[in-house]
N, C-alpha and C. Protein backbone atom coordinates (compact mmCIF):
# COMPACT_ATOMS: atom_id res chain seq x y z
N UNK A 1 150.17 98.29 72.60
CA UNK A 1 149.72 96.82 73.17
C UNK A 1 149.29 96.56 74.69
N UNK A 2 149.94 97.67 75.42
CA UNK A 2 149.60 97.88 76.76
C UNK A 2 148.09 98.22 77.14
N UNK A 3 147.78 99.24 76.08
CA UNK A 3 146.47 99.80 76.27
C UNK A 3 145.53 98.35 75.95
N UNK A 4 145.71 97.71 75.11
CA UNK A 4 145.04 96.53 74.57
C UNK A 4 144.40 95.56 75.80
N UNK A 5 145.62 95.43 76.55
CA UNK A 5 145.57 94.38 77.76
C UNK A 5 144.77 94.92 78.62
N UNK A 6 144.85 96.33 78.94
CA UNK A 6 144.09 96.86 80.14
C UNK A 6 142.62 97.11 79.77
N UNK A 7 142.33 97.23 78.78
CA UNK A 7 141.02 97.30 77.85
C UNK A 7 140.42 96.17 78.14
N UNK A 8 141.03 94.89 77.66
CA UNK A 8 140.75 93.35 77.79
C UNK A 8 140.55 92.92 79.35
N UNK A 9 141.39 93.43 80.50
CA UNK A 9 141.31 93.30 81.74
C UNK A 9 140.07 94.05 82.19
N UNK A 10 139.74 95.40 81.86
CA UNK A 10 138.72 95.97 82.30
C UNK A 10 137.30 95.27 81.94
N UNK A 11 137.41 95.03 80.50
CA UNK A 11 136.33 94.35 80.24
C UNK A 11 136.17 93.05 80.81
N UNK A 12 136.82 92.29 81.28
CA UNK A 12 136.80 90.91 81.98
C UNK A 12 136.44 91.34 83.42
N UNK A 13 136.91 92.08 84.02
CA UNK A 13 136.42 92.59 85.18
C UNK A 13 135.02 92.94 85.39
N UNK A 14 134.54 93.63 84.31
CA UNK A 14 133.21 94.23 84.17
C UNK A 14 132.14 93.02 84.08
N UNK A 15 132.68 92.12 83.21
CA UNK A 15 131.83 90.64 82.81
C UNK A 15 131.71 89.94 84.13
N UNK A 16 132.73 89.64 84.90
CA UNK A 16 132.81 89.03 86.07
C UNK A 16 131.91 89.77 87.33
N UNK A 17 132.22 90.91 87.30
CA UNK A 17 131.16 91.61 88.35
C UNK A 17 129.97 91.48 87.94
N UNK A 18 129.43 91.91 86.70
CA UNK A 18 127.91 91.59 86.02
C UNK A 18 127.63 90.25 86.45
N UNK A 19 128.30 89.31 86.48
CA UNK A 19 127.68 87.70 86.62
C UNK A 19 127.79 87.56 88.14
N UNK A 20 128.79 88.20 88.81
CA UNK A 20 128.65 87.96 90.20
C UNK A 20 127.16 88.67 90.89
N UNK A 21 127.11 89.75 90.39
CA UNK A 21 125.77 90.56 90.85
C UNK A 21 124.67 90.03 90.27
N UNK A 22 124.58 89.04 89.32
CA UNK A 22 123.07 88.56 88.71
C UNK A 22 123.03 87.08 89.64
N UNK A 23 124.23 86.56 90.00
CA UNK A 23 124.29 85.22 90.82
C UNK A 23 123.48 85.91 92.18
N UNK A 24 124.09 87.02 92.56
CA UNK A 24 123.58 87.44 93.86
C UNK A 24 121.84 87.77 93.91
N UNK A 25 121.36 88.16 92.90
CA UNK A 25 120.10 88.52 92.46
C UNK A 25 119.40 87.24 92.39
N UNK A 26 119.73 86.48 91.84
CA UNK A 26 118.89 85.14 91.69
C UNK A 26 119.10 84.24 93.15
N UNK A 27 119.99 84.51 93.96
CA UNK A 27 120.00 84.07 95.17
C UNK A 27 119.01 84.56 96.00
N UNK A 28 118.84 85.83 95.62
CA UNK A 28 117.68 86.66 96.89
C UNK A 28 116.55 86.34 96.41
N UNK A 29 116.19 86.02 95.12
CA UNK A 29 115.17 85.75 94.41
C UNK A 29 114.62 84.32 95.07
N UNK A 30 115.58 83.36 95.07
CA UNK A 30 115.31 82.08 95.49
C UNK A 30 115.07 82.04 97.10
N UNK A 31 115.83 82.89 98.02
CA UNK A 31 115.44 83.17 98.80
C UNK A 31 114.19 83.36 99.50
N UNK A 32 113.67 84.42 98.73
CA UNK A 32 112.38 84.85 98.90
C UNK A 32 111.27 83.68 98.53
N UNK A 33 111.59 82.78 97.73
CA UNK A 33 110.50 81.87 97.45
C UNK A 33 110.82 80.62 98.68
N UNK A 34 111.95 80.53 99.31
CA UNK A 34 111.71 79.30 100.39
C UNK A 34 110.94 79.92 101.61
N UNK A 35 110.32 78.80 102.13
CA UNK A 35 109.62 79.24 103.41
C UNK A 35 110.64 79.53 104.21
N UNK A 36 110.22 80.10 105.30
CA UNK A 36 110.83 80.62 106.67
C UNK A 36 109.85 80.22 107.62
N UNK A 37 109.90 79.05 108.11
CA UNK A 37 108.99 78.50 109.12
C UNK A 37 107.77 77.76 108.08
N UNK A 38 106.87 78.11 108.13
CA UNK A 38 105.81 77.57 107.10
C UNK A 38 105.32 78.55 106.28
N UNK A 39 105.91 79.79 106.06
CA UNK A 39 105.77 80.67 105.08
C UNK A 39 106.80 81.28 104.17
N UNK A 40 106.37 81.47 103.02
CA UNK A 40 107.33 82.58 102.31
C UNK A 40 107.19 84.04 102.55
N UNK A 41 108.08 84.74 102.01
CA UNK A 41 107.89 86.01 102.19
C UNK A 41 106.75 86.72 101.27
N UNK A 42 106.43 86.29 100.38
CA UNK A 42 105.30 86.73 99.53
C UNK A 42 103.91 86.59 100.17
N UNK A 43 103.90 85.15 100.68
CA UNK A 43 102.69 84.84 101.72
C UNK A 43 102.56 85.70 102.88
N UNK A 44 103.68 85.89 103.67
CA UNK A 44 103.33 86.87 104.83
C UNK A 44 103.36 88.30 104.47
N UNK A 45 103.80 88.62 103.29
CA UNK A 45 103.35 90.21 102.70
C UNK A 45 102.00 90.01 102.50
N UNK A 46 101.23 89.21 101.77
CA UNK A 46 100.12 89.12 101.22
C UNK A 46 99.14 89.09 102.47
N UNK A 47 99.30 88.46 103.53
CA UNK A 47 98.80 88.50 104.98
C UNK A 47 98.64 89.74 105.55
N UNK A 48 99.75 90.53 105.50
CA UNK A 48 99.93 91.94 106.12
C UNK A 48 99.21 92.94 105.40
N UNK A 49 98.79 93.02 104.12
CA UNK A 49 98.20 93.96 103.47
C UNK A 49 96.95 94.61 104.17
N UNK A 50 96.17 93.69 104.50
CA UNK A 50 94.85 94.09 105.28
C UNK A 50 94.96 94.71 106.49
N UNK A 51 96.03 94.12 107.23
CA UNK A 51 96.18 94.91 108.47
C UNK A 51 96.79 96.36 108.40
N UNK A 52 97.87 96.41 107.31
CA UNK A 52 98.20 97.87 107.00
C UNK A 52 97.46 98.78 106.59
N UNK A 53 96.39 98.36 105.86
CA UNK A 53 95.24 99.08 105.43
C UNK A 53 94.15 99.62 106.44
N UNK A 54 94.23 98.63 107.32
CA UNK A 54 93.44 99.04 108.70
C UNK A 54 94.17 99.72 109.62
N UNK A 55 95.47 99.99 109.60
CA UNK A 55 96.11 100.90 110.36
C UNK A 55 96.62 101.87 109.88
N UNK A 56 96.30 102.10 108.63
CA UNK A 56 96.74 103.30 107.94
C UNK A 56 95.81 104.53 108.21
N UNK A 57 96.47 105.87 108.43
CA UNK A 57 95.33 106.79 108.38
C UNK A 57 94.34 107.01 107.29
N UNK A 58 94.45 106.83 106.15
CA UNK A 58 93.45 106.72 105.19
C UNK A 58 93.39 105.61 104.53
N UNK A 59 92.74 104.44 104.82
CA UNK A 59 92.91 103.14 104.40
C UNK A 59 92.72 103.14 102.98
N UNK A 60 91.87 104.31 102.28
CA UNK A 60 91.68 104.24 100.87
C UNK A 60 92.80 104.35 100.11
N UNK A 61 93.87 104.91 100.63
CA UNK A 61 95.26 105.39 99.88
C UNK A 61 95.66 104.14 99.20
N UNK A 62 96.12 104.58 97.95
CA UNK A 62 96.69 103.43 97.15
C UNK A 62 97.86 102.51 97.22
N UNK A 63 98.92 103.10 96.94
CA UNK A 63 100.21 102.26 97.16
C UNK A 63 100.47 102.23 98.55
N UNK A 64 100.85 100.82 98.75
CA UNK A 64 101.68 100.45 99.95
C UNK A 64 102.71 100.01 99.95
N UNK A 65 103.80 100.43 100.67
CA UNK A 65 105.14 99.78 100.69
C UNK A 65 105.23 98.76 101.86
N UNK A 66 105.80 97.52 101.36
CA UNK A 66 105.88 96.47 102.68
C UNK A 66 107.15 95.93 102.22
N UNK A 67 107.88 95.54 103.58
CA UNK A 67 109.11 94.68 103.59
C UNK A 67 108.92 93.77 104.80
N UNK A 68 109.87 92.57 104.37
CA UNK A 68 109.46 91.50 105.29
C UNK A 68 110.80 91.35 105.74
N UNK A 69 111.35 91.00 107.10
CA UNK A 69 112.77 90.49 107.48
C UNK A 69 112.16 89.10 108.44
N UNK A 70 113.48 88.40 108.15
CA UNK A 70 113.24 86.81 109.04
C UNK A 70 113.84 87.16 110.36
N UNK A 71 113.83 86.89 111.53
CA UNK A 71 114.30 87.11 112.82
C UNK A 71 114.09 86.05 113.74
N UNK A 72 114.92 85.84 114.54
CA UNK A 72 114.59 85.07 115.62
C UNK A 72 114.60 85.60 117.05
N UNK A 73 113.54 85.85 117.85
CA UNK A 73 113.22 86.35 119.12
C UNK A 73 113.33 85.49 119.99
N UNK A 74 113.92 85.91 121.35
CA UNK A 74 113.91 85.14 122.59
C UNK A 74 112.44 85.47 123.49
N UNK A 75 111.84 84.10 123.25
CA UNK A 75 110.46 84.20 124.07
C UNK A 75 110.41 83.19 125.09
N UNK A 76 109.99 83.58 126.37
CA UNK A 76 109.64 82.52 127.56
C UNK A 76 110.79 81.31 127.35
N UNK A 77 111.85 81.78 127.27
CA UNK A 77 113.17 81.16 127.53
C UNK A 77 113.70 79.90 126.32
N UNK A 78 112.73 80.45 125.18
CA UNK A 78 113.14 79.82 123.84
C UNK A 78 113.35 80.70 122.60
N UNK A 79 113.85 80.06 121.58
CA UNK A 79 113.93 81.18 120.53
C UNK A 79 112.80 80.76 119.56
N UNK A 80 112.38 81.72 118.97
CA UNK A 80 110.94 81.39 118.10
C UNK A 80 111.37 82.49 116.89
N UNK A 81 111.19 81.65 115.64
CA UNK A 81 111.01 82.24 114.06
C UNK A 81 109.96 83.09 114.17
N UNK A 82 110.44 84.37 113.84
CA UNK A 82 109.34 85.43 113.55
C UNK A 82 109.60 86.17 112.03
N UNK A 83 108.52 86.77 111.69
CA UNK A 83 108.45 87.48 110.32
C UNK A 83 108.35 88.95 110.86
N UNK A 84 108.85 89.78 110.80
CA UNK A 84 108.84 91.55 111.03
C UNK A 84 108.66 92.08 109.62
N UNK A 85 107.22 92.73 109.70
CA UNK A 85 106.85 93.03 108.39
C UNK A 85 106.51 94.84 108.68
N UNK A 86 107.48 95.54 107.86
CA UNK A 86 107.37 97.03 108.03
C UNK A 86 106.50 97.54 106.76
N UNK A 87 105.31 98.40 107.26
CA UNK A 87 104.58 98.97 106.10
C UNK A 87 104.55 100.59 106.13
N UNK A 88 104.67 101.05 104.98
CA UNK A 88 104.59 102.51 104.73
C UNK A 88 103.70 103.10 103.82
N UNK A 89 103.16 104.08 103.51
CA UNK A 89 102.23 104.45 102.77
C UNK A 89 102.96 104.88 101.40
N UNK A 90 102.34 105.88 100.36
CA UNK A 90 102.71 106.04 98.96
C UNK A 90 103.77 106.83 99.29
N UNK A 91 103.78 107.87 100.24
CA UNK A 91 104.65 108.78 100.53
C UNK A 91 105.90 108.16 101.45
N UNK A 92 106.01 106.73 101.42
CA UNK A 92 107.10 106.10 102.28
C UNK A 92 107.19 106.67 103.89
N UNK A 93 105.72 106.94 104.21
CA UNK A 93 105.68 107.32 105.80
C UNK A 93 105.39 105.99 106.57
N UNK A 94 105.99 105.84 107.32
CA UNK A 94 105.54 104.32 108.20
C UNK A 94 104.45 104.18 108.79
N UNK A 95 103.87 103.24 108.49
CA UNK A 95 102.28 103.08 109.04
C UNK A 95 102.41 102.24 110.12
N UNK A 96 102.86 100.99 110.02
CA UNK A 96 103.03 99.92 111.12
C UNK A 96 104.25 98.91 111.12
N UNK A 97 103.95 98.38 112.21
CA UNK A 97 105.07 97.18 112.20
C UNK A 97 104.09 95.88 112.62
N UNK A 98 104.11 95.02 112.02
CA UNK A 98 103.61 93.68 112.00
C UNK A 98 104.43 92.62 112.17
N UNK A 99 104.25 91.93 113.49
CA UNK A 99 105.30 90.51 113.76
C UNK A 99 104.16 89.10 113.86
N UNK A 100 104.73 88.23 112.86
CA UNK A 100 104.18 87.09 112.70
C UNK A 100 104.75 85.83 113.28
N UNK A 101 104.34 84.70 113.80
CA UNK A 101 104.80 83.58 114.08
C UNK A 101 105.20 82.79 112.95
N UNK A 102 106.52 82.61 112.61
CA UNK A 102 106.86 81.95 111.22
C UNK A 102 106.47 80.56 111.19
N UNK A 103 106.25 79.94 112.18
CA UNK A 103 105.74 78.52 112.17
C UNK A 103 104.17 78.25 111.92
N UNK A 104 103.44 79.35 112.83
CA UNK A 104 102.02 78.92 112.82
C UNK A 104 101.24 79.96 111.78
N UNK A 105 102.04 81.11 111.64
CA UNK A 105 101.23 82.33 110.85
C UNK A 105 100.53 83.11 111.93
N UNK A 106 100.58 82.98 113.21
CA UNK A 106 99.76 83.69 114.12
C UNK A 106 100.16 85.10 114.20
N UNK A 107 99.49 85.92 114.27
CA UNK A 107 99.56 87.46 114.57
C UNK A 107 100.56 87.56 115.91
N UNK A 108 101.55 88.18 116.27
CA UNK A 108 101.88 88.51 117.43
C UNK A 108 102.04 89.83 117.97
N UNK A 109 102.20 90.60 116.92
CA UNK A 109 102.13 92.29 117.52
C UNK A 109 101.78 92.74 116.21
N UNK A 110 100.93 94.16 116.43
CA UNK A 110 100.75 94.87 115.50
C UNK A 110 100.83 96.20 116.24
N UNK A 111 101.36 97.07 115.63
CA UNK A 111 101.63 98.58 116.02
C UNK A 111 101.74 99.80 115.02
N UNK A 112 100.92 100.55 115.28
CA UNK A 112 101.06 101.75 114.50
C UNK A 112 102.29 102.85 114.74
N UNK A 113 102.96 103.28 113.45
CA UNK A 113 103.93 104.04 113.75
C UNK A 113 103.86 105.43 113.18
N UNK A 114 102.97 106.04 113.19
CA UNK A 114 102.49 107.33 112.78
C UNK A 114 102.12 108.02 114.08
N UNK A 115 102.32 109.35 113.93
CA UNK A 115 101.78 110.33 115.13
C UNK A 115 100.37 110.66 114.84
N UNK A 116 99.60 110.69 116.00
CA UNK A 116 98.07 110.93 115.68
C UNK A 116 97.89 112.00 115.99
N UNK A 117 97.26 113.22 115.07
CA UNK A 117 96.82 114.42 115.48
C UNK A 117 95.82 114.69 116.45
N UNK A 118 95.94 115.54 117.50
CA UNK A 118 95.03 115.42 118.73
C UNK A 118 93.81 116.02 118.03
N UNK A 119 92.55 115.43 118.47
CA UNK A 119 91.44 115.81 118.07
C UNK A 119 90.54 116.76 119.26
N UNK A 120 89.93 117.58 118.77
CA UNK A 120 89.12 118.52 119.88
C UNK A 120 88.77 117.71 121.20
N UNK A 121 87.80 116.67 120.54
CA UNK A 121 87.02 116.00 121.66
C UNK A 121 87.65 114.38 121.72
N UNK A 122 88.17 114.01 122.72
CA UNK A 122 88.50 112.58 122.78
C UNK A 122 87.73 111.50 122.24
N UNK A 123 88.18 110.62 121.39
CA UNK A 123 87.33 109.57 120.85
C UNK A 123 87.12 108.49 121.88
N UNK A 124 87.93 108.51 122.81
CA UNK A 124 87.50 107.47 123.94
C UNK A 124 87.51 108.10 125.16
N UNK A 125 86.23 108.36 125.92
CA UNK A 125 85.82 109.17 127.20
C UNK A 125 85.91 108.36 128.30
N UNK A 126 85.88 106.94 128.05
CA UNK A 126 85.29 106.07 129.48
C UNK A 126 85.67 104.77 128.92
N UNK A 127 85.71 103.99 130.08
CA UNK A 127 86.12 102.26 129.83
C UNK A 127 85.30 101.68 128.96
N UNK A 128 83.89 102.00 128.88
CA UNK A 128 82.91 101.36 128.16
C UNK A 128 83.35 101.68 126.75
N UNK A 129 83.68 102.57 126.10
CA UNK A 129 84.26 102.88 124.88
C UNK A 129 85.48 102.46 124.49
N UNK A 130 86.32 102.50 125.65
CA UNK A 130 87.86 101.75 125.25
C UNK A 130 87.53 100.19 124.98
N UNK A 131 86.60 99.70 126.02
CA UNK A 131 86.25 97.92 125.35
C UNK A 131 85.65 98.14 124.14
N UNK A 132 84.87 98.73 123.85
CA UNK A 132 84.22 98.95 122.38
C UNK A 132 85.32 99.00 121.27
N UNK A 133 86.15 99.87 121.49
CA UNK A 133 87.27 100.40 120.48
C UNK A 133 88.18 99.35 120.41
N UNK A 134 88.44 98.65 121.69
CA UNK A 134 89.71 97.37 121.62
C UNK A 134 89.12 96.43 120.88
N UNK A 135 87.54 96.10 120.87
CA UNK A 135 87.03 95.03 120.42
C UNK A 135 86.83 95.22 118.65
N UNK A 136 86.72 96.26 118.36
CA UNK A 136 86.89 96.77 117.02
C UNK A 136 88.21 96.71 116.29
N UNK A 137 89.20 96.89 116.95
CA UNK A 137 90.79 96.93 116.62
C UNK A 137 90.92 95.21 116.62
N UNK A 138 90.46 94.50 117.25
CA UNK A 138 90.71 92.98 117.49
C UNK A 138 89.99 92.55 116.13
N UNK A 139 88.76 92.74 116.05
CA UNK A 139 87.97 92.32 114.75
C UNK A 139 88.95 92.70 113.19
N UNK A 140 89.43 94.21 113.45
CA UNK A 140 89.87 94.63 112.40
C UNK A 140 91.28 93.74 112.13
N UNK A 141 91.84 93.42 112.83
CA UNK A 141 93.47 92.89 112.82
C UNK A 141 93.19 91.17 112.66
N UNK A 142 91.78 90.75 112.86
CA UNK A 142 91.69 89.54 112.66
C UNK A 142 92.09 88.48 114.15
N UNK A 143 92.14 89.30 115.19
CA UNK A 143 92.53 88.62 116.17
C UNK A 143 91.29 87.89 116.99
N UNK A 144 91.16 86.66 116.81
CA UNK A 144 89.98 85.52 117.19
C UNK A 144 88.98 85.66 116.31
N UNK A 145 88.22 84.65 115.88
CA UNK A 145 87.45 84.72 114.92
C UNK A 145 86.13 84.45 115.84
N UNK A 146 85.30 84.05 115.07
CA UNK A 146 83.84 83.36 116.01
C UNK A 146 83.88 82.37 116.93
N UNK A 147 85.04 81.64 116.61
CA UNK A 147 85.19 80.30 117.56
C UNK A 147 86.09 80.74 118.80
N UNK A 148 86.65 81.94 118.80
CA UNK A 148 87.38 82.37 120.07
C UNK A 148 86.63 83.30 120.79
N UNK A 149 86.57 82.96 122.34
CA UNK A 149 85.69 83.94 123.02
C UNK A 149 86.49 84.52 123.80
N UNK A 150 86.63 85.87 123.45
CA UNK A 150 87.86 86.82 124.21
C UNK A 150 86.74 87.54 125.20
N UNK A 151 87.20 87.49 126.46
CA UNK A 151 86.88 87.98 127.64
C UNK A 151 87.98 88.98 128.25
N UNK A 152 87.41 90.22 128.72
CA UNK A 152 88.02 90.95 129.29
C UNK A 152 88.66 90.59 130.51
N UNK A 153 90.11 90.74 130.55
CA UNK A 153 90.79 90.31 131.83
C UNK A 153 91.03 91.39 132.92
N UNK A 154 90.08 92.26 133.17
CA UNK A 154 90.13 93.36 134.31
C UNK A 154 89.84 94.62 133.58
N UNK A 155 89.64 95.60 134.32
CA UNK A 155 89.09 96.82 133.82
C UNK A 155 90.00 97.50 132.79
N UNK A 156 89.66 98.22 131.95
CA UNK A 156 90.63 99.00 131.37
C UNK A 156 91.05 100.06 131.97
N UNK A 157 92.38 100.27 131.69
CA UNK A 157 93.02 101.47 132.29
C UNK A 157 93.22 102.75 131.51
N UNK A 158 93.42 103.68 131.89
CA UNK A 158 93.78 104.70 131.43
C UNK A 158 95.24 105.23 132.03
N UNK A 159 96.18 105.23 131.00
CA UNK A 159 97.73 105.42 131.10
C UNK A 159 98.16 106.82 130.33
N UNK A 160 99.20 107.07 130.89
CA UNK A 160 99.57 108.69 130.44
C UNK A 160 98.75 109.70 130.29
N UNK A 161 97.51 109.55 130.83
CA UNK A 161 96.42 110.67 130.60
C UNK A 161 95.70 110.50 129.05
N UNK A 162 96.17 109.83 128.26
CA UNK A 162 95.56 109.68 127.02
C UNK A 162 95.61 108.59 126.33
N UNK A 163 96.09 107.55 126.57
CA UNK A 163 96.03 105.97 126.09
C UNK A 163 95.22 105.16 127.20
N UNK A 164 94.59 104.24 126.45
CA UNK A 164 93.92 103.17 126.97
C UNK A 164 94.52 102.02 126.98
N UNK A 165 94.45 101.05 128.04
CA UNK A 165 95.00 99.92 128.00
C UNK A 165 94.09 98.65 128.31
N UNK A 166 93.85 97.89 127.27
CA UNK A 166 92.98 96.73 127.94
C UNK A 166 93.49 95.43 127.72
N UNK A 167 93.08 94.48 128.55
CA UNK A 167 93.71 93.21 128.83
C UNK A 167 92.72 92.14 128.28
N UNK A 168 92.79 91.09 127.65
CA UNK A 168 91.83 90.05 126.96
C UNK A 168 92.50 88.66 127.43
N UNK A 169 91.46 87.73 127.62
CA UNK A 169 91.90 86.31 127.60
C UNK A 169 90.97 85.42 126.81
N UNK A 170 91.25 84.44 126.16
CA UNK A 170 90.52 83.29 125.58
C UNK A 170 91.19 82.05 125.80
N UNK A 171 90.68 80.92 125.45
CA UNK A 171 91.47 79.72 125.86
C UNK A 171 92.53 79.63 125.30
N UNK A 172 93.79 79.26 126.20
CA UNK A 172 95.17 79.28 125.69
C UNK A 172 95.84 80.55 125.14
N UNK A 173 95.35 81.75 125.35
CA UNK A 173 96.04 82.85 124.81
C UNK A 173 95.28 84.04 125.41
N UNK A 174 96.42 84.96 125.31
CA UNK A 174 95.99 86.71 125.90
C UNK A 174 96.35 87.59 125.02
N UNK A 175 95.62 88.68 125.12
CA UNK A 175 95.85 89.74 124.44
C UNK A 175 96.02 91.04 125.13
N UNK A 176 96.54 92.15 124.86
CA UNK A 176 96.46 93.17 125.26
C UNK A 176 96.38 94.21 123.86
N UNK A 177 95.34 95.41 124.05
CA UNK A 177 95.25 96.47 123.02
C UNK A 177 95.39 97.44 123.82
N UNK A 178 96.29 98.44 123.29
CA UNK A 178 96.57 99.78 123.96
C UNK A 178 95.93 100.77 122.82
N UNK A 179 95.17 101.84 122.79
CA UNK A 179 94.80 102.75 121.92
C UNK A 179 94.90 104.45 122.21
N UNK A 180 95.23 105.24 121.45
CA UNK A 180 95.20 106.71 121.84
C UNK A 180 93.82 106.97 122.34
N UNK A 181 93.71 107.65 123.40
CA UNK A 181 92.20 108.01 123.78
C UNK A 181 91.61 109.15 122.89
N UNK A 182 92.70 110.12 122.46
CA UNK A 182 92.21 111.37 121.68
C UNK A 182 91.77 110.89 120.32
N UNK A 183 92.13 109.78 119.91
CA UNK A 183 91.73 109.60 118.35
C UNK A 183 91.14 108.16 118.01
N UNK A 184 91.29 107.44 119.17
CA UNK A 184 90.77 106.02 119.36
C UNK A 184 91.68 105.06 118.29
N UNK A 185 92.64 105.59 117.96
CA UNK A 185 93.46 104.79 116.93
C UNK A 185 94.49 103.80 118.06
N UNK A 186 94.67 102.43 117.55
CA UNK A 186 95.52 101.56 117.83
C UNK A 186 97.08 102.01 117.71
N UNK A 187 97.42 101.88 118.99
CA UNK A 187 98.83 102.13 119.33
C UNK A 187 99.67 100.73 119.17
N UNK A 188 99.10 99.85 119.96
CA UNK A 188 99.75 98.23 119.84
C UNK A 188 98.93 97.30 120.34
N UNK A 189 98.84 96.14 119.63
CA UNK A 189 98.03 95.06 119.78
C UNK A 189 99.03 94.16 120.01
N UNK A 190 99.08 92.98 121.40
CA UNK A 190 100.17 92.23 121.19
C UNK A 190 99.27 90.86 121.56
N UNK A 191 99.58 89.54 121.35
CA UNK A 191 99.15 88.50 121.44
C UNK A 191 100.10 87.38 122.09
N UNK A 192 99.92 86.75 122.81
CA UNK A 192 100.76 85.81 123.62
C UNK A 192 99.84 84.39 123.84
N UNK A 193 100.78 83.23 123.71
CA UNK A 193 100.12 81.70 124.25
C UNK A 193 100.20 82.06 125.81
N UNK A 194 99.05 81.35 126.39
CA UNK A 194 99.12 81.21 128.22
C UNK A 194 98.80 79.78 128.43
N UNK A 195 99.20 79.46 129.62
CA UNK A 195 99.23 78.02 129.89
C UNK A 195 97.99 77.85 130.26
N UNK A 196 97.39 76.95 129.64
CA UNK A 196 95.79 76.21 129.89
C UNK A 196 95.46 76.27 131.61
């Protein structure tokens, strides 16, 4: 009789645990469908795929692994809802981190997260090439379309001997783009709203 009760108790606990687990899975699915700011997780991931491909060492590589997290950051004395997206390649090597404004969907930050092999000849040898490379990265990331006229806000600077840093201004916004001189690859691009 005692064995029967222990078997019934184990079976009941197993059913209860399975039920609670299924509720948790349903809750996670429902949360993913709920907008955070103006975007759902699926919408933000879909917006991130082209940027991840642009930042990948091999943009034609097949599978990308993306994950999105909701976060609040402190910016200019106010809290701001953001989506942080991590991108990895098929081998689960980190490619990039992308940050979006959850309310407007504006790109706030894109950063590559892989080590760049040193090339024999630097890809960016002077300030003019740094400007050209930065413009190329801004286009690839969708920073400012034809309606946005970005102007260089100072001469490009070479930092750390190998990286190039450029600052840009457009109406009501600013951007910084930092690239590896030896490969011309993006290190980080960051956007911010400015006072008019």
